[in-house]
């Protein structure tokens, strides 16, 4: 997926990237580095909680129940390393991750073993050897030492700075209301009546993608959700929480699943593996409330107090942000017009593949050959009226 040669142009091809988030910002930097004239448009600011990219960290796993997806996740290691070298600072950490979930464990173990990802099988009564203080509950687990966390705030800020320093144009607080194509050009319409033309447009607008796709006549089902996470630790200590590995703890009959990860000075981050609610009307619209739901905070706090005893169950902060589900829980990526490429339906997993998607999307936009199997899984054409139904869990089942 890596494009090694810088593109040479007498008059650089103009490319507009809509959405300065986990996918759009790395893609914009890739394209700018290749010699194109790139404009990056963001409705809010990069890292805004109104979109999907706020916060200090995201869980980055290598385990997955699908072999093709586990193989893709394994490729993120090199991509994160390349992006970190480009921006001058690491954008991820190997903290290790414990995966404890009865229904998915056999498939996850088989998938990562098939592609040679290092892991350790952990008997139920030994989980505390890998995450000190984790309460055993009779379920076995696997530990993946090379998994960890994406440093989301570092990745976005450093990548955006590198993009601007390379000559890219960044337009924050700029809302796109539609995209049209004619005569080999794409026209991006902005609020207030302004328009921008380019030879190529890449739409990576997260929860704002649906309305933009509709302007192109595309009817792709996308459901944005709100989700809340809570940061825990001792406010009198620095750092406030121990540097524990990351955790995916699947649901049982009695309680929902959780995911958790170290977040440096922010504390130990924990969330329920179920969203708060869908966005009203299925779009950003005016549904910009991001207030904490105290009842959700207390459920998570009680879970930490019971199950993660090495973490002080004091709430340091809460965060409500969005993620967007596709109809089948997989990304929606591909060219939908000769001048337009889309990348949406992050399914709550946008940062896990941020650096890799930056490279892949730059390849797709510039017609560089990419992994055929991935593009078949992610193709927008799978939602065409005459396409065969795709079976398997939705993002709500594997988020």
Protein backbone atom coordinates (compact mmCIF):
# COMPACT_ATOMS: atom_id res chain seq x y z
CA UNK A 1 0.00 0.00 0.00
CA UNK A 2 2.93 2.32 0.47
CA UNK A 3 3.60 4.63 -2.45
CA UNK A 4 7.35 5.14 -2.51
CA UNK A 5 7.86 7.65 -5.30
CA UNK A 6 6.80 11.28 -4.98
CA UNK A 7 4.44 12.26 -7.79
CA UNK A 8 5.78 14.88 -10.13
CA UNK A 9 3.39 17.36 -11.72
CA UNK A 10 3.93 20.50 -13.79
CA UNK A 11 0.58 21.66 -12.46
CA UNK A 12 -0.27 19.60 -9.36
CA UNK A 13 -3.56 17.76 -9.37
CA UNK A 14 -5.96 19.36 -6.91
CA UNK A 15 -7.42 17.04 -4.27
CA UNK A 16 -9.95 17.97 -1.60
CA UNK A 17 -10.20 15.83 1.54
CA UNK A 18 -13.41 16.33 3.53
CA UNK A 19 -12.95 15.53 7.23
CA UNK A 20 -9.78 16.06 9.29
CA UNK A 21 -10.17 12.97 11.43
CA UNK A 22 -8.46 9.63 11.94
CA UNK A 23 -8.58 8.77 8.23
CA UNK A 24 -8.72 12.09 6.42
CA UNK A 25 -5.72 13.74 8.08
CA UNK A 26 -3.19 10.93 7.42
CA UNK A 27 -4.54 10.57 3.87
CA UNK A 28 -4.15 14.31 3.27
CA UNK A 29 -0.52 14.18 4.45
CA UNK A 30 0.18 11.18 2.22
CA UNK A 31 -1.28 12.95 -0.81
CA UNK A 32 0.55 16.20 -0.08
CA UNK A 33 3.82 14.31 0.29
CA UNK A 34 3.25 12.71 -3.11
CA UNK A 35 3.19 16.09 -4.80
CA UNK A 36 -0.52 16.84 -5.06
CA UNK A 37 -2.17 20.14 -4.12
CA UNK A 38 -4.34 19.12 -1.18
CA UNK A 39 -7.04 21.05 0.67
CA UNK A 40 -8.27 19.50 3.94
CA UNK A 41 -11.71 20.68 5.06
CA UNK A 42 -13.05 20.20 8.59
CA UNK A 43 -16.50 21.22 9.83
CA UNK A 44 -15.23 21.72 13.39
CA UNK A 45 -11.56 21.39 14.40
CA UNK A 46 -9.31 18.35 14.10
CA UNK A 47 -9.90 16.27 17.23
CA UNK A 48 -13.31 17.75 17.95
CA UNK A 49 -15.61 15.72 20.18
CA UNK A 50 -18.49 16.70 17.90
CA UNK A 51 -16.93 14.43 15.29
CA UNK A 52 -15.24 11.09 16.03
CA UNK A 53 -11.62 11.92 16.72
CA UNK A 54 -11.44 13.55 20.16
CA UNK A 55 -9.61 12.20 23.18
CA UNK A 56 -6.09 11.09 24.00
CA UNK A 57 -6.11 7.39 23.16
CA UNK A 58 -7.81 4.55 21.33
CA UNK A 59 -7.57 0.80 21.80
CA UNK A 60 -5.39 -0.81 19.15
CA UNK A 61 -5.74 -4.55 18.89
CA UNK A 62 -4.26 -7.20 16.65
CA UNK A 63 -6.75 -9.92 17.60
CA UNK A 64 -9.89 -10.37 15.53
CA UNK A 65 -12.32 -13.17 14.79
CA UNK A 66 -11.98 -12.76 11.00
CA UNK A 67 -8.65 -13.93 9.49
CA UNK A 68 -8.67 -11.29 6.76
CA UNK A 69 -9.26 -8.53 9.31
CA UNK A 70 -6.56 -9.86 11.64
CA UNK A 71 -4.16 -9.85 8.69
CA UNK A 72 -5.11 -6.24 7.96
CA UNK A 73 -4.61 -5.24 11.60
CA UNK A 74 -1.16 -6.84 11.57
CA UNK A 75 -0.27 -4.46 8.75
CA UNK A 76 -1.01 -1.46 10.96
CA UNK A 77 2.24 -1.97 12.88
CA UNK A 78 4.46 -0.87 10.01
CA UNK A 79 2.04 1.90 9.02
CA UNK A 80 2.09 3.41 12.51
CA UNK A 81 5.87 3.24 12.55
CA UNK A 82 6.10 5.00 9.17
CA UNK A 83 3.69 7.73 10.23
CA UNK A 84 5.56 8.26 13.50
CA UNK A 85 8.84 8.63 11.62
CA UNK A 86 7.22 11.10 9.21
CA UNK A 87 5.78 13.36 11.93
CA UNK A 88 8.75 13.04 14.27
CA UNK A 89 7.00 11.42 17.23
CA UNK A 90 5.60 7.94 18.03
CA UNK A 91 1.84 7.74 17.45
CA UNK A 92 1.21 4.38 19.14
CA UNK A 93 2.40 2.27 22.09
CA UNK A 94 2.82 -1.47 22.56
CA UNK A 95 1.12 -1.97 25.94
CA UNK A 96 -0.22 -5.47 25.34
CA UNK A 97 -3.93 -6.37 25.37
CA UNK A 98 -5.92 -9.06 27.14
CA UNK A 99 -8.92 -10.47 25.23
CA UNK A 100 -11.45 -12.25 27.48
CA UNK A 101 -14.68 -13.29 25.80
CA UNK A 102 -16.11 -16.82 25.61
CA UNK A 103 -18.02 -16.64 22.28
CA UNK A 104 -15.28 -14.94 20.24
CA UNK A 105 -12.13 -16.35 21.87
CA UNK A 106 -11.71 -19.51 19.74
CA UNK A 107 -12.12 -17.63 16.45
CA UNK A 108 -9.84 -14.77 17.55
CA UNK A 109 -7.18 -17.20 18.71
CA UNK A 110 -7.34 -19.17 15.44
CA UNK A 111 -7.23 -16.04 13.28
CA UNK A 112 -4.16 -14.54 14.87
CA UNK A 113 -2.39 -17.90 15.08
CA UNK A 114 -2.97 -18.43 11.36
CA UNK A 115 -1.02 -15.29 10.48
CA UNK A 116 1.67 -15.71 13.13
CA UNK A 117 0.76 -12.95 15.61
CA UNK A 118 2.42 -13.66 18.96
CA UNK A 119 -0.02 -14.39 21.76
CA UNK A 120 -0.27 -16.25 25.04
CA UNK A 121 -3.18 -18.41 26.12
CA UNK A 122 -4.21 -17.35 29.62
CA UNK A 123 -6.12 -19.69 31.96
CA UNK A 124 -9.00 -18.08 33.80
CA UNK A 125 -7.26 -17.95 37.18
CA UNK A 126 -4.11 -16.32 35.72
CA UNK A 127 -5.57 -13.17 34.13
CA UNK A 128 -4.22 -11.10 37.04
CA UNK A 129 -0.69 -12.04 35.96
CA UNK A 130 -1.21 -10.00 32.80
CA UNK A 131 -3.45 -7.19 34.10
CA UNK A 132 -2.71 -6.83 37.82
CA UNK A 133 -5.91 -6.45 39.79
CA UNK A 134 -8.21 -7.92 37.11
CA UNK A 135 -10.80 -10.09 38.83
CA UNK A 136 -10.90 -13.71 37.59
CA UNK A 137 -14.41 -14.81 36.64
CA UNK A 138 -13.91 -18.31 35.23
CA UNK A 139 -13.26 -17.23 31.63
CA UNK A 140 -10.02 -17.96 29.81
CA UNK A 141 -8.31 -15.26 27.75
CA UNK A 142 -5.50 -14.56 25.32
CA UNK A 143 -2.82 -11.90 25.72
CA UNK A 144 -1.41 -10.15 22.64
CA UNK A 145 1.82 -8.37 23.64
CA UNK A 146 2.21 -6.27 20.49
CA UNK A 147 -1.26 -4.68 20.75
CA UNK A 148 -1.76 -1.46 22.68
CA UNK A 149 -3.01 2.07 22.23
CA UNK A 150 -3.03 4.66 19.48
CA UNK A 151 -1.99 8.08 20.80
CA UNK A 152 -4.94 9.71 19.09
CA UNK A 153 -4.32 13.32 20.07
CA UNK A 154 -0.62 13.10 19.18
CA UNK A 155 -1.38 11.42 15.86
CA UNK A 156 -3.89 14.05 14.79
CA UNK A 157 -2.00 17.12 15.95
CA UNK A 158 1.38 16.05 14.61
CA UNK A 159 -0.01 14.79 11.32
CA UNK A 160 -1.98 17.98 10.76
CA UNK A 161 1.09 20.09 11.56
CA UNK A 162 3.17 18.05 9.11
CA UNK A 163 0.50 18.46 6.44
CA UNK A 164 0.43 22.25 6.78
CA UNK A 165 4.24 22.44 6.93
CA UNK A 166 4.38 20.45 3.67
CA UNK A 167 2.25 23.10 1.96
CA UNK A 168 -1.23 21.68 2.44
CA UNK A 169 -4.24 23.95 2.89
CA UNK A 170 -6.31 23.39 6.04
CA UNK A 171 -9.81 24.88 6.33
CA UNK A 172 -11.30 24.33 9.81
CA UNK A 173 -14.76 25.55 10.80
CA UNK A 174 -15.85 24.99 7.22
CA UNK A 175 -19.00 22.97 6.54
CA UNK A 176 -19.52 21.03 3.33
CA UNK A 177 -23.15 20.86 2.21
CA UNK A 178 -22.73 18.84 -0.98
CA UNK A 179 -20.49 17.43 -3.68
CA UNK A 180 -21.24 17.29 -7.41
CA UNK A 181 -19.31 16.24 -10.49
CA UNK A 182 -19.27 17.44 -14.09
CA UNK A 183 -16.75 17.69 -16.91
CA UNK A 184 -14.06 15.72 -15.11
CA UNK A 185 -14.12 17.97 -12.03
CA UNK A 186 -15.69 17.66 -8.58
CA UNK A 187 -17.29 20.69 -6.97
CA UNK A 188 -17.52 20.96 -3.19
CA UNK A 189 -20.29 23.29 -2.02
CA UNK A 190 -19.81 25.06 1.32
CA UNK A 191 -22.25 26.86 3.59
CA UNK A 192 -22.74 30.44 2.49
CA UNK A 193 -22.63 29.55 -1.20
CA UNK A 194 -18.87 29.23 -1.73
CA UNK A 195 -17.58 26.42 -3.94
CA UNK A 196 -14.22 24.69 -4.43
CA UNK A 197 -13.24 22.65 -7.50
CA UNK A 198 -10.76 19.78 -7.67
CA UNK A 199 -9.83 16.87 -9.88
CA UNK A 200 -10.41 14.46 -6.97
CA UNK A 201 -12.42 14.53 -3.73
CA UNK A 202 -12.01 12.14 -0.80
CA UNK A 203 -14.93 12.06 1.66
CA UNK A 204 -13.89 11.00 5.18
CA UNK A 205 -16.48 12.97 7.13
CA UNK A 206 -17.34 10.45 9.86
CA UNK A 207 -20.85 11.04 11.24
CA UNK A 208 -21.29 13.85 8.70
CA UNK A 209 -20.77 11.55 5.72
CA UNK A 210 -24.40 10.55 5.19
CA UNK A 211 -25.67 13.95 4.10
CA UNK A 212 -22.72 14.48 1.75
CA UNK A 213 -23.26 11.06 0.15
CA UNK A 214 -26.91 11.90 -0.39
CA UNK A 215 -25.88 14.97 -2.38
CA UNK A 216 -24.18 12.54 -4.77
CA UNK A 217 -27.30 10.41 -5.00
CA UNK A 218 -25.80 7.63 -2.87
CA UNK A 219 -28.10 5.78 -0.49
CA UNK A 220 -25.70 4.01 1.89
CA UNK A 221 -27.07 3.21 5.33
CA UNK A 222 -24.93 4.80 8.04
CA UNK A 223 -25.92 5.12 11.71
CA UNK A 224 -23.90 7.48 13.92
CA UNK A 225 -23.94 6.72 17.65
CA UNK A 226 -22.90 8.55 20.79
CA UNK A 227 -20.63 6.73 23.21
CA UNK A 228 -19.29 7.66 26.64
CA UNK A 229 -15.96 6.76 28.23
CA UNK A 230 -14.65 7.53 31.71
CA UNK A 231 -11.08 8.15 32.91
CA UNK A 232 -10.11 6.82 36.36
CA UNK A 233 -7.22 7.24 38.75
CA UNK A 234 -5.87 8.98 41.82
CA UNK A 235 -5.90 12.75 41.18
CA UNK A 236 -3.02 13.21 43.66
CA UNK A 237 -0.67 10.90 41.76
CA UNK A 238 1.28 11.46 38.52
CA UNK A 239 0.46 9.57 36.45
CA UNK A 240 -2.93 9.07 38.08
CA UNK A 241 -3.28 5.40 37.11
CA UNK A 242 -0.87 2.47 36.75
CA UNK A 243 0.38 1.75 33.24
CA UNK A 244 -1.69 -1.40 32.81
CA UNK A 245 -2.19 -3.20 29.49
CA UNK A 246 -5.31 -2.69 27.41
CA UNK A 247 -8.35 -4.90 27.88
CA UNK A 248 -11.33 -6.20 25.94
CA UNK A 249 -13.65 -7.92 28.40
CA UNK A 250 -16.65 -9.36 26.57
CA UNK A 251 -20.19 -9.43 27.91
CA UNK A 252 -21.64 -12.14 30.12
CA UNK A 253 -25.25 -12.92 30.92
CA UNK A 254 -25.10 -10.52 33.85
CA UNK A 255 -23.11 -7.53 32.58
CA UNK A 256 -22.17 -5.79 29.31
CA UNK A 257 -18.66 -5.92 27.93
CA UNK A 258 -16.05 -3.24 28.57
CA UNK A 259 -12.92 -2.02 26.86
CA UNK A 260 -10.12 -0.28 28.73
CA UNK A 261 -6.68 1.20 28.08
CA UNK A 262 -3.92 3.31 29.64
CA UNK A 263 -4.14 6.98 28.69
CA UNK A 264 -1.12 8.55 30.38
CA UNK A 265 -1.89 11.71 32.29
CA UNK A 266 -5.61 11.36 31.55
CA UNK A 267 -5.95 8.18 33.64
CA UNK A 268 -7.12 4.66 32.81
CA UNK A 269 -9.86 4.90 30.16
CA UNK A 270 -12.86 2.57 30.39
CA UNK A 271 -16.05 2.33 28.34
CA UNK A 272 -19.01 -0.02 28.01
CA UNK A 273 -19.07 -1.91 24.74
CA UNK A 274 -22.47 -0.52 23.89
CA UNK A 275 -23.41 3.01 22.74
CA UNK A 276 -25.42 5.61 24.59
CA UNK A 277 -27.86 6.22 21.73
CA UNK A 278 -28.04 6.92 17.99
CA UNK A 279 -27.68 10.52 16.87
CA UNK A 280 -31.08 12.14 16.41
CA UNK A 281 -32.23 11.82 12.81
CA UNK A 282 -29.18 9.73 11.96
CA UNK A 283 -27.00 12.77 11.19
CA UNK A 284 -24.99 15.38 13.05
CA UNK A 285 -27.58 18.05 12.27
CA UNK A 286 -28.21 20.00 15.45
CA UNK A 287 -27.60 16.98 17.73
CA UNK A 288 -24.39 18.38 19.19
CA UNK A 289 -25.01 17.72 22.88
CA UNK A 290 -22.08 15.88 24.46
CA UNK A 291 -23.03 16.01 28.13
CA UNK A 292 -22.06 13.17 30.45
CA UNK A 293 -24.79 10.70 31.39
CA UNK A 294 -24.22 10.24 35.15
CA UNK A 295 -25.96 6.88 35.24
CA UNK A 296 -23.55 5.51 32.63
CA UNK A 297 -20.60 6.93 34.56
CA UNK A 298 -21.71 5.15 37.72
CA UNK A 299 -22.17 1.81 35.94
CA UNK A 300 -18.62 2.04 34.60
CA UNK A 301 -17.22 3.23 37.95
CA UNK A 302 -18.81 0.29 39.78
CA UNK A 303 -17.34 -2.08 37.21
CA UNK A 304 -13.85 -0.64 37.73
CA UNK A 305 -14.21 -0.88 41.51
CA UNK A 306 -15.22 -4.53 41.24
CA UNK A 307 -13.07 -5.83 38.39
CA UNK A 308 -9.99 -3.56 38.05
CA UNK A 309 -8.81 -3.28 41.62
CA UNK A 310 -5.40 -1.76 40.81
CA UNK A 311 -7.13 1.33 39.39
CA UNK A 312 -8.45 3.92 41.85
CA UNK A 313 -12.20 4.14 41.04
CA UNK A 314 -12.19 7.94 41.19
CA UNK A 315 -13.64 9.65 38.11
CA UNK A 316 -11.10 12.06 36.64
CA UNK A 317 -13.01 12.96 33.48
CA UNK A 318 -15.69 11.78 31.08
CA UNK A 319 -15.98 12.07 27.32
CA UNK A 320 -18.87 11.64 24.91
CA UNK A 321 -18.06 11.32 21.22
CA UNK A 322 -19.40 9.60 18.12
CA UNK A 323 -18.77 6.61 15.91
CA UNK A 324 -20.60 5.51 12.78
CA UNK A 325 -21.92 2.03 12.02
CA UNK A 326 -22.44 0.72 8.50
CA UNK A 327 -25.22 -1.72 7.71
CA UNK A 328 -22.94 -4.77 8.05
CA UNK A 329 -20.31 -3.43 10.43
CA UNK A 330 -17.48 -3.10 7.92
CA UNK A 331 -15.87 0.01 6.48
CA UNK A 332 -17.30 1.53 3.30
CA UNK A 333 -14.35 2.47 1.10
CA UNK A 334 -14.05 2.89 -2.64
CA UNK A 335 -14.41 5.10 -5.69
CA UNK A 336 -18.05 6.03 -6.37
CA UNK A 337 -17.42 8.47 -9.23
CA UNK A 338 -14.33 8.91 -11.40
CA UNK A 339 -13.64 12.04 -9.31
CA UNK A 340 -14.93 10.90 -5.87
CA UNK A 341 -13.69 8.35 -3.30
CA UNK A 342 -15.53 7.69 -0.04
CA UNK A 343 -14.34 6.25 3.28
CA UNK A 344 -16.97 5.99 6.01
CA UNK A 345 -18.57 3.57 8.47
CA UNK A 346 -15.66 3.50 10.92
CA UNK A 347 -17.70 1.15 13.16
CA UNK A 348 -15.95 2.52 16.24
CA UNK A 349 -12.59 1.34 14.91
CA UNK A 350 -11.26 4.31 12.96
CA UNK A 351 -8.04 4.92 14.88
CA UNK A 352 -7.07 1.23 14.93
CA UNK A 353 -6.23 1.55 11.23
CA UNK A 354 -5.59 5.29 10.99
CA UNK A 355 -2.08 5.22 9.56
CA UNK A 356 -2.79 2.24 7.31
CA UNK A 357 -5.95 3.85 5.93
CA UNK A 358 -4.03 7.06 5.26
CA UNK A 359 -1.75 5.11 2.94
CA UNK A 360 -4.51 3.02 1.38
CA UNK A 361 -6.84 5.96 0.72
CA UNK A 362 -4.05 7.93 -0.91
CA UNK A 363 -3.46 4.92 -3.16
CA UNK A 364 -7.15 4.59 -4.05
CA UNK A 365 -7.49 8.30 -4.88
CA UNK A 366 -4.40 8.23 -7.11
CA UNK A 367 -5.16 4.85 -8.74
CA UNK A 368 -2.27 2.96 -7.16
CA UNK A 369 -3.07 -0.79 -6.91
CA UNK A 370 -4.27 -1.81 -3.45
CA UNK A 371 -5.14 -5.02 -1.58
CA UNK A 372 -7.94 -6.57 -3.64
CA UNK A 373 -9.38 -8.63 -0.78
CA UNK A 374 -9.73 -5.61 1.52
CA UNK A 375 -11.43 -3.58 -1.19
CA UNK A 376 -13.87 -6.39 -1.89
CA UNK A 377 -14.88 -6.48 1.78
CA UNK A 378 -15.20 -2.70 1.96
CA UNK A 379 -16.60 -1.88 -1.48
CA UNK A 380 -19.66 0.43 -1.53
CA UNK A 381 -21.03 -1.80 -4.30
CA UNK A 382 -21.97 -4.43 -1.71
CA UNK A 383 -24.94 -2.21 -0.80
CA UNK A 384 -26.30 -2.04 -4.34
CA UNK A 385 -29.91 -3.17 -4.70
CA UNK A 386 -28.93 -6.29 -6.67
CA UNK A 387 -25.92 -7.22 -4.51
CA UNK A 388 -26.10 -10.52 -2.58
CA UNK A 389 -26.82 -10.11 1.12
CA UNK A 390 -23.70 -10.14 3.29
CA UNK A 391 -23.90 -12.26 6.40
CA UNK A 392 -22.03 -11.82 9.65
CA UNK A 393 -22.12 -9.58 12.72
CA UNK A 394 -22.79 -5.89 12.47
CA UNK A 395 -20.46 -3.41 14.16
CA UNK A 396 -22.86 -3.48 17.10
CA UNK A 397 -21.86 -7.12 17.53
CA UNK A 398 -18.09 -6.67 17.29
CA UNK A 399 -17.39 -3.03 18.15
